[in-house]
Amino acid sequence: MAAPKLIKPTESELEILQILWEKGVATVREVHERLAVTKDVGYTTTLKLMQIMNEKGIVKRDDSMRTHIYQAAVNKEKTQKHLLNKMIDNLFGGSSTQLVIQALGDDNHKTSQEEIDTIQALLDNLKKQ
């Protein structure tokens, strides 16, 4: 059996996936309305992107009714892990330490105390292994 093809969504496709992961299922209109809150995008552009994503196997489309319903066909966690590993390899020379230093040292993104506590618990668990 062949290995599953790795999905490499574009930035725009990732924005659509985020909405579908959050909502579960959505129409093109619902996705478009969410996108339009943060960016200037036409309805037909959203429609075309979602059609392309369906052809690529990134989303599934239920066209049994007049209004097509879309849902993500790729797992959120697996997609995040794949893209993160790719970023660590390509941007940080394979160093997850450099990624963490960059992420936590960034003044533009304040890390909450709850996030720090979660990170500390993860580090404590890693030290025990």
N, C-alpha and C. Protein backbone atom coordinates (compact mmCIF):
# COMPACT_ATOMS: atom_id res chain seq x y z
N MET A 1 0.83 -1.18 0.00
CA MET A 1 0.00 0.00 0.00
C MET A 1 0.88 1.25 0.00
N ALA A 2 0.57 2.20 -0.82
CA ALA A 2 1.36 3.43 -0.94
C ALA A 2 1.18 4.30 0.29
N ALA A 3 2.23 5.03 0.64
CA ALA A 3 2.14 5.96 1.77
C ALA A 3 1.19 7.09 1.41
N PRO A 4 0.40 7.58 2.40
CA PRO A 4 -0.51 8.66 2.09
C PRO A 4 0.24 9.91 1.65
N LYS A 5 -0.33 10.61 0.70
CA LYS A 5 0.28 11.83 0.18
C LYS A 5 0.26 12.92 1.26
N LEU A 6 1.37 13.59 1.42
CA LEU A 6 1.43 14.67 2.41
C LEU A 6 0.72 15.89 1.87
N ILE A 7 -0.15 16.45 2.69
CA ILE A 7 -0.91 17.63 2.31
C ILE A 7 -0.08 18.86 2.64
N LYS A 8 0.03 19.76 1.66
CA LYS A 8 0.77 20.99 1.86
C LYS A 8 -0.14 22.16 1.55
N PRO A 9 -1.03 22.50 2.51
CA PRO A 9 -1.97 23.60 2.24
C PRO A 9 -1.25 24.95 2.15
N THR A 10 -1.78 25.81 1.28
CA THR A 10 -1.28 27.17 1.17
C THR A 10 -1.77 27.97 2.37
N GLU A 11 -1.28 29.20 2.50
CA GLU A 11 -1.72 30.06 3.60
C GLU A 11 -3.23 30.29 3.55
N SER A 12 -3.77 30.56 2.37
CA SER A 12 -5.21 30.77 2.23
C SER A 12 -5.99 29.51 2.54
N GLU A 13 -5.46 28.36 2.13
CA GLU A 13 -6.13 27.10 2.44
C GLU A 13 -6.12 26.84 3.94
N LEU A 14 -5.03 27.20 4.61
CA LEU A 14 -4.96 27.03 6.06
C LEU A 14 -6.00 27.89 6.77
N GLU A 15 -6.23 29.09 6.27
CA GLU A 15 -7.26 29.95 6.87
C GLU A 15 -8.63 29.29 6.77
N ILE A 16 -8.91 28.68 5.63
CA ILE A 16 -10.18 27.98 5.44
C ILE A 16 -10.24 26.74 6.34
N LEU A 17 -9.15 26.00 6.40
CA LEU A 17 -9.11 24.83 7.26
C LEU A 17 -9.36 25.19 8.72
N GLN A 18 -8.78 26.30 9.18
CA GLN A 18 -8.99 26.72 10.57
C GLN A 18 -10.47 26.91 10.86
N ILE A 19 -11.17 27.51 9.93
CA ILE A 19 -12.61 27.73 10.09
C ILE A 19 -13.34 26.39 10.11
N LEU A 20 -13.01 25.50 9.19
CA LEU A 20 -13.67 24.19 9.14
C LEU A 20 -13.34 23.34 10.35
N TRP A 21 -12.11 23.39 10.83
CA TRP A 21 -11.76 22.65 12.04
C TRP A 21 -12.57 23.16 13.23
N GLU A 22 -12.76 24.46 13.29
CA GLU A 22 -13.52 25.06 14.40
C GLU A 22 -15.01 24.75 14.29
N LYS A 23 -15.58 24.90 13.11
CA LYS A 23 -17.02 24.72 12.91
C LYS A 23 -17.44 23.27 12.68
N GLY A 24 -16.54 22.45 12.17
CA GLY A 24 -16.89 21.08 11.83
C GLY A 24 -17.34 20.99 10.38
N VAL A 25 -18.45 21.63 10.05
CA VAL A 25 -18.94 21.70 8.68
C VAL A 25 -19.40 23.13 8.42
N ALA A 26 -19.35 23.54 7.15
CA ALA A 26 -19.77 24.91 6.80
C ALA A 26 -20.02 25.00 5.31
N THR A 27 -20.86 25.96 4.95
CA THR A 27 -21.08 26.28 3.54
C THR A 27 -20.00 27.26 3.09
N VAL A 28 -19.89 27.45 1.80
CA VAL A 28 -18.95 28.44 1.27
C VAL A 28 -19.30 29.81 1.83
N ARG A 29 -20.58 30.13 1.88
CA ARG A 29 -21.04 31.43 2.39
C ARG A 29 -20.56 31.65 3.83
N GLU A 30 -20.70 30.63 4.68
CA GLU A 30 -20.27 30.75 6.09
C GLU A 30 -18.76 30.96 6.18
N VAL A 31 -18.02 30.21 5.39
CA VAL A 31 -16.56 30.37 5.39
C VAL A 31 -16.19 31.76 4.89
N HIS A 32 -16.81 32.17 3.81
CA HIS A 32 -16.54 33.49 3.23
C HIS A 32 -16.82 34.61 4.24
N GLU A 33 -17.94 34.53 4.94
CA GLU A 33 -18.28 35.57 5.92
C GLU A 33 -17.24 35.64 7.04
N ARG A 34 -16.71 34.50 7.46
CA ARG A 34 -15.67 34.50 8.50
C ARG A 34 -14.37 35.09 7.96
N LEU A 35 -14.01 34.74 6.73
CA LEU A 35 -12.79 35.28 6.13
C LEU A 35 -12.89 36.78 5.93
N ALA A 36 -14.07 37.25 5.52
CA ALA A 36 -14.27 38.66 5.20
C ALA A 36 -14.10 39.57 6.41
N VAL A 37 -14.17 39.00 7.60
CA VAL A 37 -13.98 39.80 8.82
C VAL A 37 -12.55 40.32 8.91
N THR A 38 -11.59 39.53 8.44
CA THR A 38 -10.18 39.89 8.60
C THR A 38 -9.45 40.21 7.30
N LYS A 39 -10.08 39.90 6.15
CA LYS A 39 -9.38 40.18 4.90
C LYS A 39 -10.38 40.49 3.79
N ASP A 40 -9.88 41.19 2.80
CA ASP A 40 -10.70 41.57 1.66
C ASP A 40 -10.66 40.44 0.64
N VAL A 41 -11.70 39.63 0.62
CA VAL A 41 -11.74 38.48 -0.26
C VAL A 41 -13.13 38.38 -0.89
N GLY A 42 -13.18 38.07 -2.16
CA GLY A 42 -14.45 37.92 -2.85
C GLY A 42 -15.06 36.55 -2.63
N TYR A 43 -16.37 36.46 -2.72
CA TYR A 43 -17.07 35.19 -2.55
C TYR A 43 -16.60 34.17 -3.58
N THR A 44 -16.46 34.60 -4.82
CA THR A 44 -16.05 33.65 -5.87
C THR A 44 -14.63 33.13 -5.63
N THR A 45 -13.78 33.94 -5.03
CA THR A 45 -12.43 33.49 -4.69
C THR A 45 -12.49 32.39 -3.63
N THR A 46 -13.32 32.61 -2.61
CA THR A 46 -13.49 31.60 -1.56
C THR A 46 -14.05 30.31 -2.15
N LEU A 47 -15.06 30.45 -3.01
CA LEU A 47 -15.66 29.29 -3.66
C LEU A 47 -14.62 28.51 -4.46
N LYS A 48 -13.85 29.19 -5.28
CA LYS A 48 -12.84 28.55 -6.12
C LYS A 48 -11.79 27.85 -5.27
N LEU A 49 -11.33 28.52 -4.21
CA LEU A 49 -10.34 27.91 -3.31
C LEU A 49 -10.88 26.61 -2.71
N MET A 50 -12.13 26.65 -2.27
CA MET A 50 -12.71 25.47 -1.64
C MET A 50 -12.92 24.35 -2.66
N GLN A 51 -13.23 24.69 -3.91
CA GLN A 51 -13.34 23.69 -4.96
C GLN A 51 -11.98 23.04 -5.23
N ILE A 52 -10.95 23.85 -5.27
CA ILE A 52 -9.59 23.34 -5.48
C ILE A 52 -9.18 22.45 -4.31
N MET A 53 -9.51 22.89 -3.09
CA MET A 53 -9.18 22.10 -1.90
C MET A 53 -9.89 20.75 -1.94
N ASN A 54 -11.11 20.73 -2.45
CA ASN A 54 -11.84 19.47 -2.59
C ASN A 54 -11.14 18.55 -3.60
N GLU A 55 -10.70 19.12 -4.71
CA GLU A 55 -9.98 18.34 -5.73
C GLU A 55 -8.67 17.79 -5.17
N LYS A 56 -8.00 18.56 -4.31
CA LYS A 56 -6.73 18.13 -3.71
C LYS A 56 -6.94 17.13 -2.57
N GLY A 57 -8.19 16.97 -2.12
CA GLY A 57 -8.47 16.06 -1.01
C GLY A 57 -8.27 16.67 0.36
N ILE A 58 -8.15 17.99 0.43
CA ILE A 58 -7.96 18.67 1.71
C ILE A 58 -9.30 18.85 2.43
N VAL A 59 -10.37 19.02 1.67
CA VAL A 59 -11.71 19.11 2.24
C VAL A 59 -12.60 18.11 1.52
N LYS A 60 -13.71 17.79 2.18
CA LYS A 60 -14.74 16.94 1.57
C LYS A 60 -15.96 17.81 1.34
N ARG A 61 -16.66 17.51 0.24
CA ARG A 61 -17.86 18.28 -0.08
C ARG A 61 -19.06 17.34 -0.17
N ASP A 62 -20.12 17.69 0.55
CA ASP A 62 -21.39 16.97 0.46
C ASP A 62 -22.27 17.78 -0.47
N ASP A 63 -22.47 17.26 -1.68
CA ASP A 63 -23.28 17.99 -2.65
C ASP A 63 -24.64 17.32 -2.86
N SER A 64 -25.11 16.64 -1.81
CA SER A 64 -26.40 15.97 -1.91
C SER A 64 -27.58 16.95 -1.82
N MET A 65 -27.32 18.15 -1.35
CA MET A 65 -28.36 19.18 -1.28
C MET A 65 -27.96 20.34 -2.17
N ARG A 66 -28.86 21.28 -2.32
CA ARG A 66 -28.59 22.46 -3.16
C ARG A 66 -27.37 23.23 -2.67
N THR A 67 -27.31 23.47 -1.38
CA THR A 67 -26.16 24.15 -0.78
C THR A 67 -25.12 23.11 -0.39
N HIS A 68 -23.94 23.21 -0.96
CA HIS A 68 -22.87 22.26 -0.66
C HIS A 68 -22.30 22.52 0.72
N ILE A 69 -22.05 21.44 1.43
CA ILE A 69 -21.50 21.51 2.78
C ILE A 69 -20.07 20.95 2.73
N TYR A 70 -19.15 21.69 3.31
CA TYR A 70 -17.75 21.29 3.32
C TYR A 70 -17.30 20.94 4.73
N GLN A 71 -16.33 20.04 4.80
CA GLN A 71 -15.66 19.76 6.07
C GLN A 71 -14.22 19.41 5.78
N ALA A 72 -13.37 19.59 6.77
CA ALA A 72 -11.95 19.29 6.60
C ALA A 72 -11.77 17.79 6.39
N ALA A 73 -10.91 17.43 5.46
CA ALA A 73 -10.61 16.02 5.20
C ALA A 73 -9.25 15.64 5.78
N VAL A 74 -8.57 16.62 6.34
CA VAL A 74 -7.26 16.38 6.95
C VAL A 74 -7.35 16.67 8.44
N ASN A 75 -6.63 15.90 9.21
CA ASN A 75 -6.62 16.03 10.66
C ASN A 75 -5.84 17.27 11.08
N LYS A 76 -6.41 18.03 11.98
CA LYS A 76 -5.78 19.28 12.43
C LYS A 76 -4.41 19.02 13.07
N GLU A 77 -4.35 18.08 14.01
CA GLU A 77 -3.10 17.84 14.73
C GLU A 77 -2.01 17.30 13.80
N LYS A 78 -2.37 16.39 12.89
CA LYS A 78 -1.38 15.85 11.96
C LYS A 78 -0.87 16.94 11.02
N THR A 79 -1.78 17.81 10.57
CA THR A 79 -1.38 18.91 9.69
C THR A 79 -0.46 19.87 10.42
N GLN A 80 -0.82 20.22 11.66
CA GLN A 80 0.02 21.11 12.46
C GLN A 80 1.41 20.51 12.66
N LYS A 81 1.45 19.22 13.00
CA LYS A 81 2.72 18.56 13.26
C LYS A 81 3.59 18.54 12.00
N HIS A 82 2.97 18.21 10.87
CA HIS A 82 3.71 18.16 9.60
C HIS A 82 4.29 19.54 9.26
N LEU A 83 3.44 20.57 9.35
CA LEU A 83 3.90 21.92 9.00
C LEU A 83 4.93 22.44 9.99
N LEU A 84 4.75 22.12 11.26
CA LEU A 84 5.71 22.55 12.27
C LEU A 84 7.08 21.89 12.04
N ASN A 85 7.07 20.59 11.79
CA ASN A 85 8.34 19.90 11.52
C ASN A 85 9.02 20.46 10.29
N LYS A 86 8.24 20.76 9.27
CA LYS A 86 8.80 21.35 8.05
C LYS A 86 9.41 22.72 8.36
N MET A 87 8.72 23.51 9.17
CA MET A 87 9.21 24.83 9.53
C MET A 87 10.50 24.73 10.37
N ILE A 88 10.50 23.81 11.33
CA ILE A 88 11.70 23.62 12.16
C ILE A 88 12.90 23.25 11.28
N ASP A 89 12.67 22.33 10.34
CA ASP A 89 13.76 21.91 9.46
C ASP A 89 14.23 23.03 8.54
N ASN A 90 13.27 23.71 7.90
CA ASN A 90 13.61 24.70 6.88
C ASN A 90 14.02 26.06 7.42
N LEU A 91 13.40 26.47 8.51
CA LEU A 91 13.61 27.82 9.00
C LEU A 91 14.56 27.90 10.20
N PHE A 92 14.60 26.81 10.99
CA PHE A 92 15.40 26.84 12.21
C PHE A 92 16.51 25.79 12.19
N GLY A 93 16.86 25.32 11.00
CA GLY A 93 17.97 24.38 10.86
C GLY A 93 17.79 23.11 11.67
N GLY A 94 16.55 22.68 11.88
CA GLY A 94 16.28 21.46 12.63
C GLY A 94 16.27 21.64 14.13
N SER A 95 16.43 22.87 14.61
CA SER A 95 16.51 23.14 16.05
C SER A 95 15.17 23.59 16.62
N SER A 96 14.52 22.69 17.35
CA SER A 96 13.27 23.08 18.02
C SER A 96 13.55 24.09 19.13
N THR A 97 14.77 24.06 19.67
CA THR A 97 15.15 25.03 20.70
C THR A 97 15.08 26.45 20.13
N GLN A 98 15.63 26.64 18.93
CA GLN A 98 15.59 27.96 18.31
C GLN A 98 14.16 28.42 18.05
N LEU A 99 13.29 27.49 17.66
CA LEU A 99 11.88 27.81 17.46
C LEU A 99 11.26 28.31 18.76
N VAL A 100 11.48 27.59 19.84
CA VAL A 100 10.90 27.96 21.13
C VAL A 100 11.45 29.30 21.61
N ILE A 101 12.74 29.51 21.48
CA ILE A 101 13.35 30.77 21.89
C ILE A 101 12.74 31.93 21.10
N GLN A 102 12.59 31.73 19.79
CA GLN A 102 12.00 32.77 18.95
C GLN A 102 10.54 33.04 19.34
N ALA A 103 9.79 31.98 19.57
CA ALA A 103 8.36 32.11 19.88
C ALA A 103 8.14 32.78 21.25
N LEU A 104 8.89 32.35 22.25
CA LEU A 104 8.67 32.88 23.59
C LEU A 104 9.36 34.22 23.81
N GLY A 105 10.38 34.52 23.01
CA GLY A 105 11.10 35.78 23.15
C GLY A 105 10.51 36.91 22.33
N ASP A 106 9.43 36.65 21.62
CA ASP A 106 8.81 37.64 20.73
C ASP A 106 7.94 38.60 21.54
N ASP A 107 8.30 39.88 21.54
CA ASP A 107 7.54 40.88 22.28
C ASP A 107 6.15 41.12 21.69
N ASN A 108 5.94 40.76 20.42
CA ASN A 108 4.65 40.98 19.77
C ASN A 108 3.58 39.98 20.21
N HIS A 109 4.00 38.84 20.78
CA HIS A 109 3.06 37.82 21.21
C HIS A 109 3.32 37.50 22.67
N LYS A 110 2.57 38.11 23.55
CA LYS A 110 2.74 37.92 24.99
C LYS A 110 2.28 36.53 25.39
N THR A 111 3.14 35.80 26.07
CA THR A 111 2.81 34.47 26.56
C THR A 111 2.12 34.61 27.91
N SER A 112 0.94 34.00 28.04
CA SER A 112 0.17 34.10 29.29
C SER A 112 0.79 33.21 30.36
N GLN A 113 0.44 33.49 31.60
CA GLN A 113 0.94 32.67 32.71
C GLN A 113 0.45 31.24 32.58
N GLU A 114 -0.77 31.07 32.11
CA GLU A 114 -1.32 29.71 31.91
C GLU A 114 -0.50 28.95 30.87
N GLU A 115 -0.11 29.63 29.78
CA GLU A 115 0.72 28.99 28.76
C GLU A 115 2.10 28.64 29.33
N ILE A 116 2.67 29.54 30.13
CA ILE A 116 3.98 29.29 30.75
C ILE A 116 3.89 28.08 31.67
N ASP A 117 2.80 27.99 32.44
CA ASP A 117 2.61 26.85 33.35
C ASP A 117 2.49 25.54 32.57
N THR A 118 1.79 25.57 31.45
CA THR A 118 1.64 24.38 30.61
C THR A 118 2.99 23.97 30.02
N ILE A 119 3.76 24.95 29.56
CA ILE A 119 5.09 24.68 29.01
C ILE A 119 6.00 24.11 30.09
N GLN A 120 5.93 24.69 31.30
CA GLN A 120 6.76 24.21 32.40
C GLN A 120 6.41 22.77 32.76
N ALA A 121 5.12 22.44 32.76
CA ALA A 121 4.70 21.06 33.06
C ALA A 121 5.24 20.10 32.00
N LEU A 122 5.20 20.52 30.75
CA LEU A 122 5.75 19.69 29.66
C LEU A 122 7.25 19.49 29.85
N LEU A 123 7.96 20.56 30.19
CA LEU A 123 9.41 20.46 30.41
C LEU A 123 9.72 19.54 31.59
N ASP A 124 8.92 19.66 32.66
CA ASP A 124 9.12 18.80 33.84
C ASP A 124 8.93 17.33 33.45
N ASN A 125 7.92 17.05 32.65
CA ASN A 125 7.66 15.66 32.21
C ASN A 125 8.80 15.16 31.32
N LEU A 126 9.33 16.01 30.46
CA LEU A 126 10.44 15.63 29.60
C LEU A 126 11.69 15.31 30.41
N LYS A 127 11.92 16.06 31.51
CA LYS A 127 13.09 15.82 32.36
C LYS A 127 13.00 14.47 33.06
N LYS A 128 11.79 14.02 33.37
CA LYS A 128 11.58 12.74 34.07
C LYS A 128 11.81 11.54 33.17
N GLN A 129 11.76 11.74 31.87
CA GLN A 129 11.88 10.60 30.93
C GLN A 129 13.30 10.14 30.78
